[in-house]
Structures are given as C-alpha cells and as structure tokens.
Protein backbone atom coordinates (compact mmCIF):
# COMPACT_ATOMS: atom_id res chain seq x y z
CA MET A 1 -76.12 212.35 125.95
CA GLU A 2 -78.30 215.26 126.97
CA SER A 3 -76.51 218.51 127.79
CA LYS A 4 -77.08 220.02 131.16
CA PRO A 5 -79.38 223.02 131.23
CA LYS A 6 -77.55 226.34 131.43
CA ARG A 7 -77.49 227.70 134.94
CA PRO A 8 -79.09 231.10 135.26
CA ASP A 9 -76.81 234.04 136.07
CA PRO A 10 -77.98 235.42 139.43
CA LEU A 11 -76.46 238.80 138.56
CA ALA A 12 -78.01 239.17 135.11
CA ASP A 13 -81.15 240.98 136.25
CA ARG A 14 -79.17 243.14 138.64
CA ASN A 15 -76.75 244.19 135.89
CA THR A 16 -79.63 244.99 133.52
CA ASP A 17 -81.33 247.11 136.17
CA GLN A 18 -78.09 248.98 136.86
CA ASP A 19 -77.56 249.69 133.17
CA HIS A 20 -81.10 251.05 132.91
CA LEU A 21 -80.60 253.21 135.99
CA ASP A 22 -77.29 254.56 134.64
CA ARG A 23 -78.97 255.60 131.37
CA LEU A 24 -81.77 257.37 133.22
CA LEU A 25 -79.34 259.25 135.44
CA SER A 26 -76.97 260.24 132.62
CA ALA A 27 -79.88 261.67 130.62
CA HIS A 28 -80.59 264.19 133.41
CA ILE A 29 -77.03 265.06 134.44
CA LYS A 30 -75.88 268.40 133.14
CA PRO A 31 -72.58 270.25 133.58
CA LEU A 32 -72.57 272.69 136.44
CA GLY A 33 -72.04 276.08 134.94
CA LEU A 34 -70.03 278.68 136.82
CA PRO A 35 -70.36 282.42 136.38
CA THR A 36 -67.77 283.88 134.03
CA ASP A 37 -66.19 285.94 136.82
CA SER A 38 -65.80 282.81 138.99
CA LEU A 39 -64.09 280.94 136.16
CA GLN A 40 -61.72 283.86 135.63
CA THR A 41 -60.94 284.02 139.33
CA LEU A 42 -60.12 280.30 139.43
CA SER A 43 -57.97 280.65 136.31
CA ASN A 44 -56.07 283.59 137.78
CA ARG A 45 -55.46 281.78 141.06
CA LEU A 46 -54.21 278.67 139.23
CA GLN A 47 -51.86 280.66 137.00
CA SER A 48 -50.55 282.59 139.99
CA ARG A 49 -49.88 279.35 141.90
CA VAL A 50 -48.07 277.82 138.91
CA ALA A 51 -45.92 280.94 138.48
CA LEU A 52 -45.07 280.99 142.19
CA SER A 53 -44.11 277.31 142.15
CA ALA A 54 -41.93 277.78 139.07
CA ALA A 55 -40.16 280.74 140.70
CA GLU A 56 -39.53 278.78 143.90
CA HIS A 57 -38.01 275.83 142.05
CA GLN A 58 -36.20 277.50 139.17
CA ARG A 59 -32.76 277.01 140.79
CA LEU A 60 -33.35 273.34 141.58
CA LEU A 61 -31.87 270.82 139.17
CA THR A 62 -34.08 267.75 138.70
CA VAL A 63 -33.01 264.89 136.43
CA ARG A 64 -35.68 262.25 135.83
CA ALA A 65 -34.76 258.59 135.54
CA LYS A 66 -35.43 258.61 131.78
CA GLN A 67 -33.73 261.95 131.11
CA GLY A 68 -30.09 262.55 130.27
CA VAL A 69 -27.59 261.20 127.77
CA TRP A 70 -25.74 257.91 128.21
CA ARG A 71 -22.11 257.85 127.06
CA THR A 72 -19.91 254.83 126.51
CA LEU A 73 -16.90 254.69 128.82
CA LYS A 74 -15.56 251.37 127.54
CA GLN A 75 -17.06 248.18 126.18
CA GLY A 76 -19.86 247.08 128.49
CA VAL A 77 -19.74 250.22 130.67
CA ARG A 78 -21.60 253.48 130.11
CA TYR A 79 -22.40 256.49 132.28
CA LYS A 80 -24.87 259.38 132.48
CA THR A 81 -23.91 262.70 134.06
CA LEU A 82 -26.43 264.10 136.55
CA TRP A 83 -24.50 267.10 137.88
CA GLU A 84 -21.03 268.55 137.35
CA GLY A 85 -19.58 269.55 140.71
CA LYS A 86 -16.28 271.19 141.65
CA GLN A 87 -15.32 268.17 143.75
CA GLY A 88 -16.28 265.57 141.18
CA ASN A 89 -19.40 264.79 139.21
CA SER A 90 -22.56 262.90 140.13
CA VAL A 91 -23.34 260.16 137.62
CA LEU A 92 -25.13 256.89 136.99
CA VAL A 93 -22.90 254.04 135.81
CA GLU A 94 -24.25 250.94 134.09
CA PHE A 95 -22.30 247.67 133.82
CA ALA A 96 -23.23 244.96 131.35
CA PRO A 97 -22.83 241.40 132.70
CA GLY A 98 -19.13 240.56 132.82
CA ALA A 99 -17.96 244.18 132.39
CA SER A 100 -15.29 245.72 134.60
CA LEU A 101 -13.29 248.88 135.32
CA PRO A 102 -9.50 248.88 135.88
CA PRO A 103 -7.73 249.99 139.10
CA HIS A 104 -7.75 253.75 139.67
CA ARG A 105 -6.89 256.36 142.31
CA HIS A 106 -9.52 258.89 143.40
CA ASN A 107 -9.05 262.61 142.90
CA TRP A 108 -11.83 263.46 145.36
CA LEU A 109 -13.98 261.72 147.94
CA GLU A 110 -16.06 259.33 145.84
CA GLU A 111 -19.28 257.79 147.16
CA GLY A 112 -21.19 255.02 145.45
CA ILE A 113 -24.44 253.11 145.96
CA VAL A 114 -25.49 250.02 144.03
CA LEU A 115 -28.99 250.62 142.65
CA ALA A 116 -29.49 247.31 140.86
CA GLY A 117 -27.56 244.10 140.28
CA GLY A 118 -24.22 243.71 142.02
CA LEU A 119 -20.55 244.71 141.93
CA GLN A 120 -17.45 242.79 142.93
CA THR A 121 -14.15 244.27 144.10
CA GLU A 122 -10.93 242.56 145.12
CA SER A 123 -12.18 241.98 148.64
CA MET A 124 -15.98 242.19 148.76
CA GLU A 125 -19.34 241.74 147.09
CA LEU A 126 -21.66 244.75 146.92
CA GLY A 127 -25.41 244.31 146.51
CA VAL A 128 -28.42 246.59 146.14
CA PHE A 129 -28.22 249.73 148.34
CA ASP A 130 -24.74 248.85 149.65
CA TYR A 131 -22.61 251.99 149.99
CA GLN A 132 -18.91 252.61 149.65
CA ALA A 133 -16.87 255.77 150.27
CA SER A 134 -13.34 256.19 148.87
CA PRO A 135 -11.37 259.24 150.13
CA ALA A 136 -9.23 261.38 147.86
CA GLY A 137 -5.93 259.62 147.23
CA SER A 138 -7.30 256.15 147.90
CA ARG A 139 -6.74 253.40 145.36
CA HIS A 140 -9.51 251.21 144.04
CA GLY A 141 -8.71 247.81 142.61
CA ALA A 142 -10.59 246.49 139.61
CA ILE A 143 -14.39 246.66 139.86
CA ALA A 144 -16.44 244.06 137.99
CA SER A 145 -20.03 242.89 137.68
CA ARG A 146 -20.87 239.27 136.94
CA GLN A 147 -24.61 239.86 136.67
CA GLY A 148 -24.69 243.47 135.48
CA ALA A 149 -25.28 246.52 137.66
CA LEU A 150 -26.50 250.09 137.93
CA ALA A 151 -24.72 252.35 140.41
CA TYR A 152 -24.91 255.97 141.53
CA LEU A 153 -21.57 257.72 142.03
CA ARG A 154 -20.84 261.19 143.31
CA GLY A 155 -17.41 262.80 143.51
CA THR A 156 -16.24 260.87 140.45
CA SER A 157 -13.96 261.95 137.62
CA LEU A 158 -16.30 260.49 135.01
CA GLY A 159 -17.31 263.26 132.65
CA LYS A 160 -14.37 265.50 133.60
CA SER A 161 -11.92 265.77 130.73
CA GLY A 162 -8.38 264.80 131.73
CA PHE A 163 -9.20 263.66 135.24
CA VAL A 164 -10.13 260.09 134.26
CA GLY A 165 -6.66 259.58 132.76
CA LYS A 166 -5.09 260.90 135.95
CA GLU A 167 -7.10 258.40 138.02
CA LEU A 168 -6.06 255.50 135.78
CA LEU A 169 -2.38 256.45 135.94
CA GLY A 170 -2.63 256.72 139.72
CA GLY A 171 -4.16 253.28 139.83
CA LEU A 172 -0.95 251.78 138.45
CA LEU A 173 0.84 252.64 141.68
CA PRO A 174 0.26 249.95 144.34
CA PHE A 175 0.38 252.07 147.51
CA ASN A 176 -2.81 253.18 149.24
CA SER A 177 -2.47 256.33 151.32
CA ALA A 178 -6.11 256.39 152.46
CA LYS A 179 -8.71 253.73 153.05
CA GLY A 180 -12.43 253.91 152.40
CA HIS A 181 -15.30 252.33 154.23
CA THR A 182 -18.38 250.33 153.32
CA VAL A 183 -21.88 250.42 154.80
CA PHE A 184 -24.04 247.44 153.91
CA ALA A 185 -27.79 247.72 153.49
CA SER A 186 -28.62 244.66 155.57
CA PRO A 187 -28.04 245.74 159.24
CA TYR A 188 -31.37 247.31 160.16
CA ASN A 189 -30.25 248.26 163.67
CA GLU A 190 -28.19 251.11 162.20
CA TRP A 191 -31.34 253.14 161.50
CA GLN A 192 -32.10 255.95 163.94
CA PRO A 193 -35.33 257.97 164.32
CA LEU A 194 -35.17 261.48 162.89
CA ALA A 195 -38.82 262.54 163.13
CA THR A 196 -42.24 260.91 163.28
CA GLY A 197 -42.27 258.31 160.52
CA VAL A 198 -38.76 259.31 159.39
CA SER A 199 -35.52 257.43 160.09
CA ILE A 200 -31.90 257.93 159.06
CA LYS A 201 -28.87 255.73 158.47
CA MET A 202 -25.57 257.62 158.53
CA LEU A 203 -23.07 256.77 155.82
CA HIS A 204 -20.38 259.45 156.00
CA ASP A 205 -19.79 262.57 158.09
CA ASP A 206 -16.77 264.89 158.03
CA GLY A 207 -18.24 267.43 160.45
CA VAL A 208 -19.30 269.82 157.69
CA THR A 209 -21.03 267.63 155.13
CA SER A 210 -22.76 264.32 155.71
CA SER A 211 -24.22 261.55 153.58
CA SER A 212 -27.06 259.33 154.70
CA LEU A 213 -29.96 257.14 153.73
CA ILE A 214 -33.33 258.58 154.73
CA ARG A 215 -36.47 256.48 154.96
CA LEU A 216 -40.01 257.89 155.18
CA ASP A 217 -43.04 255.83 156.10
CA ALA A 218 -46.26 256.31 154.14
CA GLY A 219 -47.83 259.58 155.27
CA ALA A 220 -44.65 260.97 156.88
CA GLU A 221 -43.93 264.70 156.65
CA VAL A 222 -40.87 266.91 157.16
CA ASP A 223 -41.05 270.70 157.51
CA SER A 224 -39.67 273.01 154.84
CA HIS A 225 -35.99 273.95 155.20
CA ALA A 226 -33.24 276.10 153.65
CA HIS A 227 -29.89 274.86 152.37
CA SER A 228 -26.67 276.35 153.72
CA GLN A 229 -24.73 274.28 151.17
CA ASP A 230 -25.47 272.19 148.09
CA GLU A 231 -27.79 269.26 148.80
CA GLU A 232 -28.01 266.19 146.56
CA CYS A 233 -30.87 263.69 146.67
CA MET A 234 -31.05 260.40 144.79
CA MET A 235 -34.34 258.53 144.97
CA LEU A 236 -33.75 254.84 145.64
CA ALA A 237 -37.33 253.62 146.10
CA GLY A 238 -40.88 254.95 146.53
CA GLU A 239 -42.12 258.47 145.88
CA LEU A 240 -41.50 261.79 147.59
CA PHE A 241 -42.88 265.32 147.28
CA LEU A 242 -40.27 268.06 147.77
CA GLY A 243 -42.60 271.03 147.83
CA ASP A 244 -44.51 270.80 144.54
CA ILE A 245 -41.97 268.49 142.89
CA LEU A 246 -42.67 264.76 142.88
CA LEU A 247 -39.55 262.59 142.85
CA MET A 248 -39.84 258.91 141.96
CA GLU A 249 -37.44 255.98 141.96
CA GLY A 250 -34.38 256.78 139.86
CA ASP A 251 -34.87 260.58 139.95
CA TYR A 252 -32.07 262.91 141.08
CA GLN A 253 -32.25 266.44 142.44
CA LEU A 254 -29.66 269.07 143.34
CA ALA A 255 -30.70 271.94 145.61
CA PRO A 256 -27.89 274.55 145.47
CA ALA A 257 -26.82 276.51 148.54
CA GLY A 258 -29.25 279.34 149.24
CA THR A 259 -32.33 277.51 147.94
CA GLU A 260 -35.21 276.15 149.98
CA HIS A 261 -37.27 272.99 149.94
CA GLY A 262 -40.97 273.15 150.70
CA LYS A 263 -42.66 270.63 152.94
CA ILE A 264 -41.46 267.09 152.31
CA TYR A 265 -44.15 264.44 152.14
CA SER A 266 -44.56 260.85 151.01
CA ASP A 267 -47.94 259.19 150.65
CA VAL A 268 -46.53 255.74 149.76
CA GLY A 269 -43.18 255.74 151.57
CA ALA A 270 -39.72 256.55 150.23
CA LEU A 271 -36.03 255.71 150.50
CA LEU A 272 -33.41 258.20 149.33
CA PHE A 273 -29.72 259.04 149.48
CA ARG A 274 -29.04 262.54 150.74
CA ARG A 275 -25.76 264.48 150.88
CA GLY A 276 -25.59 267.98 152.29
CA SER A 277 -25.21 269.98 155.48
CA THR A 278 -24.93 268.11 158.76
CA ASP A 279 -28.00 270.09 159.91
CA TYR A 280 -31.21 268.14 159.25
C-alpha cells in the first residue's frame, strides 16, 4: 500500500523567513548607552525611592502566606501566629480531616473566617469565607472538620501562655452569658457600594471598631489614608497594592495606629477581611 505524500507545511517558508529576519536584526541591534551622569542620576533616584518606601512602611507588619512558624496544638490541629495583640492574637489554624477542638469559653471577642475546607459546630456548617464572631464570655461547643480546614482567627487565646487553659476550663461550664453571630458568604445582597469599583460587607461593628469584607474590582483604587487605631487586613483572594506593598492571597498585614497606607489599588481584583476604625 503506497503511503500518502506528505502535505507541505504552509508556514514553513514564513517561519524560515522570520528566522532569517530575526538574525539580520539582532546583528545590528546594540545596547543604548547612557552618559555616566545620567546613569548616576537614575541610580540615585531609584535608591532614594527605595529608602523612602522602606521608611514609610517600616512600622507595618506583613506576614506572607509562606512565612511564619506552625505549632502543633493537638493531634490534627496546628496554628501559626500572625500578630500578638492585647485583646487576643491573630492566627491561622489548620485542621486535618477528622480533627476537632473541645468546648471553650472566649476571653475576648473572637472572630473567625474559614479560608479553605469547612468546619462544623454543634448547630451549623461553616464553609469558605463564612464568618463567625464570639463575644467575650461566650461559650463555643466542640468545633470539628470532616474534610479538613484552614481558618483565620483574631482575638484568640492561641499562642498566649495560660489563657488557653482558662478557655478550656470555662468551656466545661454549660451556661452561655453571651451569644455570637454568623455571617454567611452566600447572600450577595448584603454588599454595599463604598467607592467606584469597591464594595463592602459589614460583619461586626461596636461603634468604635468594625470588621468587614471588602471587595475591589479589577482596576479599582482607594485614596491613601491614616489609621487612628490598629488596622488588620487578611487577603482572602486576588491581589492588592497597599502603597508599594503587594499583598496576595493568604498574606496578612497589620498597620498600627498612627501609620498610613498609600493609595490602594488592584489590577486583578481582590477580596480581603479588614478590621479597624469605623471610618473608611
């Protein structure tokens, strides 16, 4: 049986011509030399800009997703401290499939967001980006994860020597003097416009400090601002520039009271948790 003749490649000649043209062009391309004084001027301006940026951000605490030390809390549960605050720490908590935490009573207002997987309590199922606030004195029943989970907690006793034991002892008492509340990620009608391309979903507000989810569309901008109190940001999705600092999914940043944030911008869109002053 005779084989069919090989079909000619209609792009072969074109590719050969392009390769020849590229070689001719590359042979005559030379680096553009700049006068020595121009190079020095550019170098000085770059170094000055880097120094200024470092000075502006030296008081900001940024913890990247891959930074930090994980510590074992119990079998199947570990945590990583992001910031040690006076009213509880900010941490990431990781549950292996099937792991759980026993009942406990909160020393401070504790807020939590599920970042991946899912958590189950005595009365509800929490999925990705679901939020729960537990006031000081409130009792939490056992928390478990069938499938495994990663959660962000702030206002927790984890990482504070002695306070975890106090929470566990308090959890043995059945009464519940204060009740928390849950905000689920699914109702989209709870989002309100904050600025062009920026929307907000309120989670908690005590009149002085508020917690919220903030969503930026691709290309959205927010003017620079100062912080009258500590501001925490946890990146949930996307990317965000806070001045010269790029935050990506899983990154955390604390801006202490008295610091400033430069212009906020996202070129791909972003979703973040923010806790700070009620002034936006």
